[in-house]
């Protein structure tokens, strides 16, 4: 007997990093027609330009950022902020002699 593999085998409970319009629409609980309309209206970002035109994909992080009204700088994580500040002197620390 063949065991059917789950459709979520690779992604588990997380949204994939890049989604097609069907997956994105399903994640937002909207129709694909609504997804297309929201892209046209600018409510959703345009698809990534690195995928072939016949297989458009959206980076889910960009979709989430657009819908939440956040900017790219708002979503920079703590590790990245720390890396950006690396080597900068702080006024409250003494330099080692």
PDB file of N, CA and C in Angstrom:
ATOM      1  N   UNK A   1       0.838  -1.180   0.000  1.00  0.00           N
ATOM      2  CA  UNK A   1       0.000   0.000   0.000  1.00  0.00           C
ATOM      3  C   UNK A   1       0.882   1.241   0.000  1.00  0.00           C
ATOM      4  N   UNK A   2       0.560   2.189  -0.855  1.00  0.00           N
ATOM      5  CA  UNK A   2       1.307   3.440  -0.947  1.00  0.00           C
ATOM      6  C   UNK A   2       0.724   4.460   0.015  1.00  0.00           C
ATOM      7  N   UNK A   3       1.597   5.090   0.775  1.00  0.00           N
ATOM      8  CA  UNK A   3       1.156   6.123   1.708  1.00  0.00           C
ATOM      9  C   UNK A   3       1.223   7.469   0.992  1.00  0.00           C
ATOM     10  N   UNK A   4       0.127   8.224   1.034  1.00  0.00           N
ATOM     11  CA  UNK A   4       0.073   9.536   0.379  1.00  0.00           C
ATOM     12  C   UNK A   4       0.843  10.545   1.213  1.00  0.00           C
ATOM     13  N   UNK A   5       1.714  11.281   0.560  1.00  0.00           N
ATOM     14  CA  UNK A   5       2.476  12.324   1.241  1.00  0.00           C
ATOM     15  C   UNK A   5       1.604  13.543   1.442  1.00  0.00           C
ATOM     16  N   UNK A   6       1.793  14.197   2.556  1.00  0.00           N
ATOM     17  CA  UNK A   6       1.041  15.408   2.858  1.00  0.00           C
ATOM     18  C   UNK A   6       1.474  16.526   1.918  1.00  0.00           C
ATOM     19  N   UNK A   7       0.541  17.405   1.558  1.00  0.00           N
ATOM     20  CA  UNK A   7       0.865  18.562   0.728  1.00  0.00           C
ATOM     21  C   UNK A   7       1.790  19.521   1.466  1.00  0.00           C
ATOM     22  N   UNK A   8       1.794  19.455   2.787  1.00  0.00           N
ATOM     23  CA  UNK A   8       2.609  20.354   3.600  1.00  0.00           C
ATOM     24  C   UNK A   8       3.905  19.701   4.048  1.00  0.00           C
ATOM     25  N   UNK A   9       4.368  18.693   3.346  1.00  0.00           N
ATOM     26  CA  UNK A   9       5.537  17.938   3.748  1.00  0.00           C
ATOM     27  C   UNK A   9       6.765  18.816   3.935  1.00  0.00           C
ATOM     28  N   UNK A  10       7.019  19.723   3.022  1.00  0.00           N
ATOM     29  CA  UNK A  10       8.233  20.530   3.099  1.00  0.00           C
ATOM     30  C   UNK A  10       8.094  21.757   3.976  1.00  0.00           C
ATOM     31  N   UNK A  11       6.928  22.340   4.057  1.00  0.00           N
ATOM     32  CA  UNK A  11       6.809  23.599   4.766  1.00  0.00           C
ATOM     33  C   UNK A  11       6.230  23.486   6.160  1.00  0.00           C
ATOM     34  N   UNK A  12       5.663  22.364   6.513  1.00  0.00           N
ATOM     35  CA  UNK A  12       5.094  22.226   7.845  1.00  0.00           C
ATOM     36  C   UNK A  12       3.996  23.243   8.077  1.00  0.00           C
ATOM     37  N   UNK A  13       4.083  23.962   9.181  1.00  0.00           N
ATOM     38  CA  UNK A  13       3.055  24.932   9.532  1.00  0.00           C
ATOM     39  C   UNK A  13       3.422  26.357   9.158  1.00  0.00           C
ATOM     40  N   UNK A  14       4.461  26.538   8.389  1.00  0.00           N
ATOM     41  CA  UNK A  14       4.867  27.900   8.036  1.00  0.00           C
ATOM     42  C   UNK A  14       4.522  28.213   6.593  1.00  0.00           C
ATOM     43  N   UNK A  15       4.335  29.490   6.335  1.00  0.00           N
ATOM     44  CA  UNK A  15       4.110  29.945   4.973  1.00  0.00           C
ATOM     45  C   UNK A  15       5.449  29.903   4.242  1.00  0.00           C
ATOM     46  N   UNK A  16       5.486  29.432   2.996  1.00  0.00           N
ATOM     47  CA  UNK A  16       6.752  29.405   2.260  1.00  0.00           C
ATOM     48  C   UNK A  16       7.322  30.812   2.088  1.00  0.00           C
ATOM     49  N   UNK A  17       8.622  30.913   1.917  1.00  0.00           N
ATOM     50  CA  UNK A  17       9.272  32.210   1.729  1.00  0.00           C
ATOM     51  C   UNK A  17       8.763  32.894   0.463  1.00  0.00           C
ATOM     52  N   UNK A  18       8.502  32.113  -0.588  1.00  0.00           N
ATOM     53  CA  UNK A  18       7.982  32.637  -1.850  1.00  0.00           C
ATOM     54  C   UNK A  18       6.686  31.894  -2.163  1.00  0.00           C
ATOM     55  N   UNK A  19       5.664  32.650  -2.532  1.00  0.00           N
ATOM     56  CA  UNK A  19       4.360  32.035  -2.803  1.00  0.00           C
ATOM     57  C   UNK A  19       3.894  32.366  -4.213  1.00  0.00           C
ATOM     58  N   UNK A  20       3.141  31.438  -4.786  1.00  0.00           N
ATOM     59  CA  UNK A  20       2.442  31.754  -6.034  1.00  0.00           C
ATOM     60  C   UNK A  20       1.123  32.409  -5.648  1.00  0.00           C
ATOM     61  N   UNK A  21       0.374  32.853  -6.616  1.00  0.00           N
ATOM     62  CA  UNK A  21      -0.861  33.591  -6.303  1.00  0.00           C
ATOM     63  C   UNK A  21      -1.885  32.708  -5.603  1.00  0.00           C
ATOM     64  N   UNK A  22      -1.939  31.436  -5.934  1.00  0.00           N
ATOM     65  CA  UNK A  22      -2.899  30.538  -5.296  1.00  0.00           C
ATOM     66  C   UNK A  22      -2.576  30.348  -3.819  1.00  0.00           C
ATOM     67  N   UNK A  23      -1.306  30.122  -3.508  1.00  0.00           N
ATOM     68  CA  UNK A  23      -0.890  29.934  -2.120  1.00  0.00           C
ATOM     69  C   UNK A  23      -1.060  31.226  -1.324  1.00  0.00           C
ATOM     70  N   UNK A  24      -0.674  32.351  -1.924  1.00  0.00           N
ATOM     71  CA  UNK A  24      -0.822  33.634  -1.251  1.00  0.00           C
ATOM     72  C   UNK A  24      -2.270  33.963  -0.977  1.00  0.00           C
ATOM     73  N   UNK A  25      -3.125  33.743  -1.959  1.00  0.00           N
ATOM     74  CA  UNK A  25      -4.553  34.016  -1.783  1.00  0.00           C
ATOM     75  C   UNK A  25      -5.139  33.103  -0.706  1.00  0.00           C
ATOM     76  N   UNK A  26      -4.755  31.836  -0.725  1.00  0.00           N
ATOM     77  CA  UNK A  26      -5.253  30.906   0.292  1.00  0.00           C
ATOM     78  C   UNK A  26      -4.792  31.326   1.683  1.00  0.00           C
ATOM     79  N   UNK A  27      -3.578  31.783   1.800  1.00  0.00           N
ATOM     80  CA  UNK A  27      -3.045  32.232   3.092  1.00  0.00           C
ATOM     81  C   UNK A  27      -3.832  33.427   3.624  1.00  0.00           C
ATOM     82  N   UNK A  28      -4.274  34.298   2.718  1.00  0.00           N
ATOM     83  CA  UNK A  28      -5.043  35.484   3.115  1.00  0.00           C
ATOM     84  C   UNK A  28      -6.553  35.230   3.144  1.00  0.00           C
ATOM     85  N   UNK A  29      -6.941  34.010   2.762  1.00  0.00           N
ATOM     86  CA  UNK A  29      -8.362  33.640   2.701  1.00  0.00           C
ATOM     87  C   UNK A  29      -9.142  34.540   1.744  1.00  0.00           C
ATOM     88  N   UNK A  30      -8.538  34.791   0.583  1.00  0.00           N
ATOM     89  CA  UNK A  30      -9.182  35.561  -0.474  1.00  0.00           C
ATOM     90  C   UNK A  30      -9.113  34.748  -1.763  1.00  0.00           C
ATOM     91  N   UNK A  31      -9.877  35.153  -2.759  1.00  0.00           N
ATOM     92  CA  UNK A  31      -9.835  34.461  -4.050  1.00  0.00           C
ATOM     93  C   UNK A  31      -8.607  34.922  -4.838  1.00  0.00           C
ATOM     94  N   UNK A  32      -8.239  34.147  -5.837  1.00  0.00           N
ATOM     95  CA  UNK A  32      -7.124  34.547  -6.694  1.00  0.00           C
ATOM     96  C   UNK A  32      -7.472  35.798  -7.488  1.00  0.00           C
ATOM     97  N   UNK A  33      -8.758  35.974  -7.803  1.00  0.00           N
ATOM     98  CA  UNK A  33      -9.179  37.205  -8.487  1.00  0.00           C
ATOM     99  C   UNK A  33      -8.960  38.418  -7.589  1.00  0.00           C
ATOM    100  N   UNK A  34      -9.266  38.281  -6.299  1.00  0.00           N
ATOM    101  CA  UNK A  34      -9.023  39.372  -5.353  1.00  0.00           C
ATOM    102  C   UNK A  34      -7.529  39.631  -5.222  1.00  0.00           C
ATOM    103  N   UNK A  35      -6.738  38.566  -5.156  1.00  0.00           N
ATOM    104  CA  UNK A  35      -5.268  38.708  -5.101  1.00  0.00           C
ATOM    105  C   UNK A  35      -4.784  39.531  -6.291  1.00  0.00           C
ATOM    106  N   UNK A  36      -5.224  39.154  -7.491  1.00  0.00           N
ATOM    107  CA  UNK A  36      -4.822  39.875  -8.701  1.00  0.00           C
ATOM    108  C   UNK A  36      -5.243  41.344  -8.644  1.00  0.00           C
ATOM    109  N   UNK A  37      -6.453  41.596  -8.169  1.00  0.00           N
ATOM    110  CA  UNK A  37      -6.948  42.965  -8.062  1.00  0.00           C
ATOM    111  C   UNK A  37      -6.116  43.766  -7.068  1.00  0.00           C
ATOM    112  N   UNK A  38      -5.783  43.162  -5.931  1.00  0.00           N
ATOM    113  CA  UNK A  38      -4.983  43.859  -4.919  1.00  0.00           C
ATOM    114  C   UNK A  38      -3.579  44.168  -5.425  1.00  0.00           C
ATOM    115  N   UNK A  39      -3.021  43.276  -6.238  1.00  0.00           N
ATOM    116  CA  UNK A  39      -1.713  43.556  -6.848  1.00  0.00           C
ATOM    117  C   UNK A  39      -1.854  44.734  -7.805  1.00  0.00           C
ATOM    118  N   UNK A  40      -2.898  44.711  -8.612  1.00  0.00           N
ATOM    119  CA  UNK A  40      -3.150  45.791  -9.581  1.00  0.00           C
ATOM    120  C   UNK A  40      -3.343  47.129  -8.873  1.00  0.00           C
ATOM    121  N   UNK A  41      -4.052  47.125  -7.736  1.00  0.00           N
ATOM    122  CA  UNK A  41      -4.316  48.353  -6.976  1.00  0.00           C
ATOM    123  C   UNK A  41      -3.122  48.814  -6.135  1.00  0.00           C
ATOM    124  N   UNK A  42      -2.126  47.944  -5.975  1.00  0.00           N
ATOM    125  CA  UNK A  42      -0.975  48.291  -5.148  1.00  0.00           C
ATOM    126  C   UNK A  42      -1.132  47.927  -3.682  1.00  0.00           C
ATOM    127  N   UNK A  43      -2.204  47.230  -3.328  1.00  0.00           N
ATOM    128  CA  UNK A  43      -2.366  46.756  -1.941  1.00  0.00           C
ATOM    129  C   UNK A  43      -1.377  45.650  -1.630  1.00  0.00           C
ATOM    130  N   UNK A  44      -1.014  44.901  -2.653  1.00  0.00           N
ATOM    131  CA  UNK A  44       0.000  43.865  -2.544  1.00  0.00           C
ATOM    132  C   UNK A  44       1.157  44.243  -3.459  1.00  0.00           C
ATOM    133  N   UNK A  45       2.374  43.799  -3.113  1.00  0.00           N
ATOM    134  CA  UNK A  45       3.511  44.114  -3.979  1.00  0.00           C
ATOM    135  C   UNK A  45       3.433  43.361  -5.304  1.00  0.00           C
ATOM    136  N   UNK A  46       4.178  43.830  -6.264  1.00  0.00           N
ATOM    137  CA  UNK A  46       4.284  43.137  -7.542  1.00  0.00           C
ATOM    138  C   UNK A  46       5.125  41.883  -7.325  1.00  0.00           C
ATOM    139  N   UNK A  47       4.998  40.888  -8.183  1.00  0.00           N
ATOM    140  CA  UNK A  47       5.814  39.679  -8.019  1.00  0.00           C
ATOM    141  C   UNK A  47       7.299  39.990  -8.182  1.00  0.00           C
ATOM    142  N   UNK A  48       8.127  39.144  -7.604  1.00  0.00           N
ATOM    143  CA  UNK A  48       9.576  39.307  -7.712  1.00  0.00           C
ATOM    144  C   UNK A  48       9.991  39.214  -9.171  1.00  0.00           C
ATOM    145  N   UNK A  49      10.913  40.042  -9.561  1.00  0.00           N
ATOM    146  CA  UNK A  49      11.335  40.055 -10.969  1.00  0.00           C
ATOM    147  C   UNK A  49      12.399  39.009 -11.276  1.00  0.00           C
ATOM    148  N   UNK A  50      12.810  38.229 -10.291  1.00  0.00           N
ATOM    149  CA  UNK A  50      13.838  37.218 -10.530  1.00  0.00           C
ATOM    150  C   UNK A  50      13.268  35.882 -11.000  1.00  0.00           C
ATOM    151  N   UNK A  51      11.948  35.716 -10.900  1.00  0.00           N
ATOM    152  CA  UNK A  51      11.314  34.498 -11.389  1.00  0.00           C
ATOM    153  C   UNK A  51      10.890  34.696 -12.843  1.00  0.00           C
ATOM    154  N   UNK A  52      10.844  33.627 -13.621  1.00  0.00           N
ATOM    155  CA  UNK A  52      10.385  33.753 -15.009  1.00  0.00           C
ATOM    156  C   UNK A  52       8.961  34.301 -15.066  1.00  0.00           C
ATOM    157  N   UNK A  53       8.634  34.998 -16.130  1.00  0.00           N
ATOM    158  CA  UNK A  53       7.319  35.640 -16.240  1.00  0.00           C
ATOM    159  C   UNK A  53       6.170  34.631 -16.182  1.00  0.00           C
ATOM    160  N   UNK A  54       6.401  33.415 -16.592  1.00  0.00           N
ATOM    161  CA  UNK A  54       5.353  32.398 -16.564  1.00  0.00           C
ATOM    162  C   UNK A  54       5.128  31.778 -15.198  1.00  0.00           C
ATOM    163  N   UNK A  55       6.003  32.074 -14.232  1.00  0.00           N
ATOM    164  CA  UNK A  55       5.863  31.506 -12.892  1.00  0.00           C
ATOM    165  C   UNK A  55       6.075  32.594 -11.833  1.00  0.00           C
ATOM    166  N   UNK A  56       5.170  33.571 -11.787  1.00  0.00           N
ATOM    167  CA  UNK A  56       5.358  34.665 -10.827  1.00  0.00           C
ATOM    168  C   UNK A  56       5.310  34.173  -9.386  1.00  0.00           C
ATOM    169  N   UNK A  57       6.177  34.735  -8.574  1.00  0.00           N
ATOM    170  CA  UNK A  57       6.222  34.420  -7.150  1.00  0.00           C
ATOM    171  C   UNK A  57       6.365  35.716  -6.370  1.00  0.00           C
ATOM    172  N   UNK A  58       5.763  35.737  -5.193  1.00  0.00           N
ATOM    173  CA  UNK A  58       5.854  36.874  -4.292  1.00  0.00           C
ATOM    174  C   UNK A  58       6.622  36.443  -3.057  1.00  0.00           C
ATOM    175  N   UNK A  59       7.496  37.296  -2.571  1.00  0.00           N
ATOM    176  CA  UNK A  59       8.179  37.001  -1.317  1.00  0.00           C
ATOM    177  C   UNK A  59       7.180  37.292  -0.200  1.00  0.00           C
ATOM    178  N   UNK A  60       6.886  36.279   0.603  1.00  0.00           N
ATOM    179  CA  UNK A  60       5.844  36.422   1.615  1.00  0.00           C
ATOM    180  C   UNK A  60       6.165  37.547   2.594  1.00  0.00           C
ATOM    181  N   UNK A  61       7.430  37.734   2.910  1.00  0.00           N
ATOM    182  CA  UNK A  61       7.833  38.819   3.811  1.00  0.00           C
ATOM    183  C   UNK A  61       7.380  40.174   3.264  1.00  0.00           C
ATOM    184  N   UNK A  62       7.488  40.361   1.941  1.00  0.00           N
ATOM    185  CA  UNK A  62       7.057  41.619   1.313  1.00  0.00           C
ATOM    186  C   UNK A  62       5.536  41.774   1.368  1.00  0.00           C
ATOM    187  N   UNK A  63       4.825  40.673   1.158  1.00  0.00           N
ATOM    188  CA  UNK A  63       3.358  40.705   1.228  1.00  0.00           C
ATOM    189  C   UNK A  63       2.928  41.085   2.644  1.00  0.00           C
ATOM    190  N   UNK A  64       3.512  40.434   3.633  1.00  0.00           N
ATOM    191  CA  UNK A  64       3.175  40.709   5.025  1.00  0.00           C
ATOM    192  C   UNK A  64       3.500  42.152   5.396  1.00  0.00           C
ATOM    193  N   UNK A  65       4.656  42.624   4.978  1.00  0.00           N
ATOM    194  CA  UNK A  65       5.068  44.000   5.270  1.00  0.00           C
ATOM    195  C   UNK A  65       4.096  45.004   4.640  1.00  0.00           C
ATOM    196  N   UNK A  66       3.715  44.760   3.397  1.00  0.00           N
ATOM    197  CA  UNK A  66       2.817  45.670   2.683  1.00  0.00           C
ATOM    198  C   UNK A  66       1.448  45.741   3.368  1.00  0.00           C
ATOM    199  N   UNK A  67       0.907  44.590   3.740  1.00  0.00           N
ATOM    200  CA  UNK A  67      -0.408  44.561   4.363  1.00  0.00           C
ATOM    201  C   UNK A  67      -0.406  45.123   5.779  1.00  0.00           C
ATOM    202  N   UNK A  68       0.720  45.016   6.479  1.00  0.00           N
ATOM    203  CA  UNK A  68       0.777  45.511   7.854  1.00  0.00           C
ATOM    204  C   UNK A  68       1.163  46.985   7.922  1.00  0.00           C
ATOM    205  N   UNK A  69       1.567  47.555   6.784  1.00  0.00           N
ATOM    206  CA  UNK A  69       1.930  48.966   6.756  1.00  0.00           C
ATOM    207  C   UNK A  69       3.332  49.241   7.265  1.00  0.00           C
ATOM    208  N   UNK A  70       4.127  48.184   7.475  1.00  0.00           N
ATOM    209  CA  UNK A  70       5.499  48.364   7.940  1.00  0.00           C
ATOM    210  C   UNK A  70       6.418  48.659   6.764  1.00  0.00           C
ATOM    211  N   UNK A  71       7.570  49.232   7.077  1.00  0.00           N
ATOM    212  CA  UNK A  71       8.590  49.477   6.062  1.00  0.00           C
ATOM    213  C   UNK A  71       9.704  48.462   6.245  1.00  0.00           C
ATOM    214  N   UNK A  72      10.611  48.401   5.300  1.00  0.00           N
ATOM    215  CA  UNK A  72      11.722  47.453   5.386  1.00  0.00           C
ATOM    216  C   UNK A  72      12.556  47.699   6.643  1.00  0.00           C
ATOM    217  N   UNK A  73      12.740  48.956   7.020  1.00  0.00           N
ATOM    218  CA  UNK A  73      13.549  49.245   8.201  1.00  0.00           C
ATOM    219  C   UNK A  73      12.853  48.800   9.479  1.00  0.00           C
ATOM    220  N   UNK A  74      11.526  48.736   9.476  1.00  0.00           N
ATOM    221  CA  UNK A  74      10.788  48.268  10.644  1.00  0.00           C
ATOM    222  C   UNK A  74      11.004  46.786  10.900  1.00  0.00           C
ATOM    223  N   UNK A  75      11.302  46.036   9.856  1.00  0.00           N
ATOM    224  CA  UNK A  75      11.391  44.583   9.990  1.00  0.00           C
ATOM    225  C   UNK A  75      12.816  44.082  10.158  1.00  0.00           C
ATOM    226  N   UNK A  76      13.778  44.994  10.239  1.00  0.00           N
ATOM    227  CA  UNK A  76      15.153  44.570  10.441  1.00  0.00           C
ATOM    228  C   UNK A  76      15.263  43.921  11.814  1.00  0.00           C
ATOM    229  N   UNK A  77      15.740  42.695  11.852  1.00  0.00           N
ATOM    230  CA  UNK A  77      15.769  41.998  13.133  1.00  0.00           C
ATOM    231  C   UNK A  77      16.918  42.459  14.020  1.00  0.00           C
ATOM    232  N   UNK A  78      16.868  42.056  15.272  1.00  0.00           N
ATOM    233  CA  UNK A  78      17.846  42.504  16.263  1.00  0.00           C
ATOM    234  C   UNK A  78      19.274  42.124  15.864  1.00  0.00           C
ATOM    235  N   UNK A  79      19.454  40.958  15.290  1.00  0.00           N
ATOM    236  CA  UNK A  79      20.793  40.538  14.889  1.00  0.00           C
ATOM    237  C   UNK A  79      21.355  41.463  13.815  1.00  0.00           C
ATOM    238  N   UNK A  80      20.518  41.838  12.872  1.00  0.00           N
ATOM    239  CA  UNK A  80      20.974  42.735  11.817  1.00  0.00           C
ATOM    240  C   UNK A  80      21.287  44.113  12.383  1.00  0.00           C
ATOM    241  N   UNK A  81      20.448  44.604  13.287  1.00  0.00           N
ATOM    242  CA  UNK A  81      20.720  45.904  13.907  1.00  0.00           C
ATOM    243  C   UNK A  81      22.049  45.862  14.654  1.00  0.00           C
ATOM    244  N   UNK A  82      22.286  44.761  15.358  1.00  0.00           N
ATOM    245  CA  UNK A  82      23.551  44.612  16.069  1.00  0.00           C
ATOM    246  C   UNK A  82      24.734  44.575  15.116  1.00  0.00           C
ATOM    247  N   UNK A  83      24.572  43.873  14.009  1.00  0.00           N
ATOM    248  CA  UNK A  83      25.646  43.795  13.023  1.00  0.00           C
ATOM    249  C   UNK A  83      25.938  45.167  12.419  1.00  0.00           C
ATOM    250  N   UNK A  84      24.893  45.937  12.201  1.00  0.00           N
ATOM    251  CA  UNK A  84      25.077  47.270  11.630  1.00  0.00           C
ATOM    252  C   UNK A  84      25.797  48.201  12.601  1.00  0.00           C
ATOM    253  N   UNK A  85      25.602  47.973  13.907  1.00  0.00           N
ATOM    254  CA  UNK A  85      26.245  48.817  14.916  1.00  0.00           C
ATOM    255  C   UNK A  85      27.621  48.302  15.320  1.00  0.00           C
ATOM    256  N   UNK A  86      28.006  47.145  14.853  1.00  0.00           N
ATOM    257  CA  UNK A  86      29.271  46.543  15.245  1.00  0.00           C
ATOM    258  C   UNK A  86      30.434  47.488  14.964  1.00  0.00           C
ATOM    259  N   UNK A  87      31.270  47.678  15.974  1.00  0.00           N
ATOM    260  CA  UNK A  87      32.443  48.522  15.820  1.00  0.00           C
ATOM    261  C   UNK A  87      32.215  49.982  16.117  1.00  0.00           C
ATOM    262  N   UNK A  88      30.966  50.371  16.299  1.00  0.00           N
ATOM    263  CA  UNK A  88      30.688  51.761  16.636  1.00  0.00           C
ATOM    264  C   UNK A  88      30.968  51.974  18.118  1.00  0.00           C
ATOM    265  N   UNK A  89      31.586  53.097  18.445  1.00  0.00           N
ATOM    266  CA  UNK A  89      31.896  53.402  19.831  1.00  0.00           C
ATOM    267  C   UNK A  89      30.643  53.914  20.528  1.00  0.00           C
ATOM    268  N   UNK A  90      30.509  53.529  21.772  1.00  0.00           N
ATOM    269  CA  UNK A  90      29.387  54.029  22.576  1.00  0.00           C
ATOM    270  C   UNK A  90      29.934  55.048  23.552  1.00  0.00           C
ATOM    271  N   UNK A  91      29.212  56.103  23.788  1.00  0.00           N
ATOM    272  CA  UNK A  91      29.640  57.185  24.666  1.00  0.00           C
ATOM    273  C   UNK A  91      29.804  56.779  26.111  1.00  0.00           C
ATOM    274  N   UNK A  92      29.131  55.731  26.549  1.00  0.00           N
ATOM    275  CA  UNK A  92      29.182  55.360  27.949  1.00  0.00           C
ATOM    276  C   UNK A  92      30.206  54.274  28.248  1.00  0.00           C
ATOM    277  N   UNK A  93      31.009  53.885  27.283  1.00  0.00           N
ATOM    278  CA  UNK A  93      32.035  52.852  27.490  1.00  0.00           C
ATOM    279  C   UNK A  93      33.417  53.478  27.415  1.00  0.00           C
ATOM    280  N   UNK A  94      34.288  52.950  28.226  1.00  0.00           N
ATOM    281  CA  UNK A  94      35.684  53.413  28.188  1.00  0.00           C
ATOM    282  C   UNK A  94      36.448  52.567  27.191  1.00  0.00           C
ATOM    283  N   UNK A  95      37.336  53.216  26.463  1.00  0.00           N
ATOM    284  CA  UNK A  95      38.198  52.478  25.546  1.00  0.00           C
ATOM    285  C   UNK A  95      39.272  51.766  26.362  1.00  0.00           C
ATOM    286  N   UNK A  96      39.595  50.554  25.948  1.00  0.00           N
ATOM    287  CA  UNK A  96      40.653  49.796  26.628  1.00  0.00           C
ATOM    288  C   UNK A  96      41.990  50.454  26.313  1.00  0.00           C
ATOM    289  N   UNK A  97      42.839  50.510  27.304  1.00  0.00           N
ATOM    290  CA  UNK A  97      44.147  51.158  27.127  1.00  0.00           C
ATOM    291  C   UNK A  97      45.150  50.222  26.518  1.00  0.00           C
TER     292      UNK A  97
END
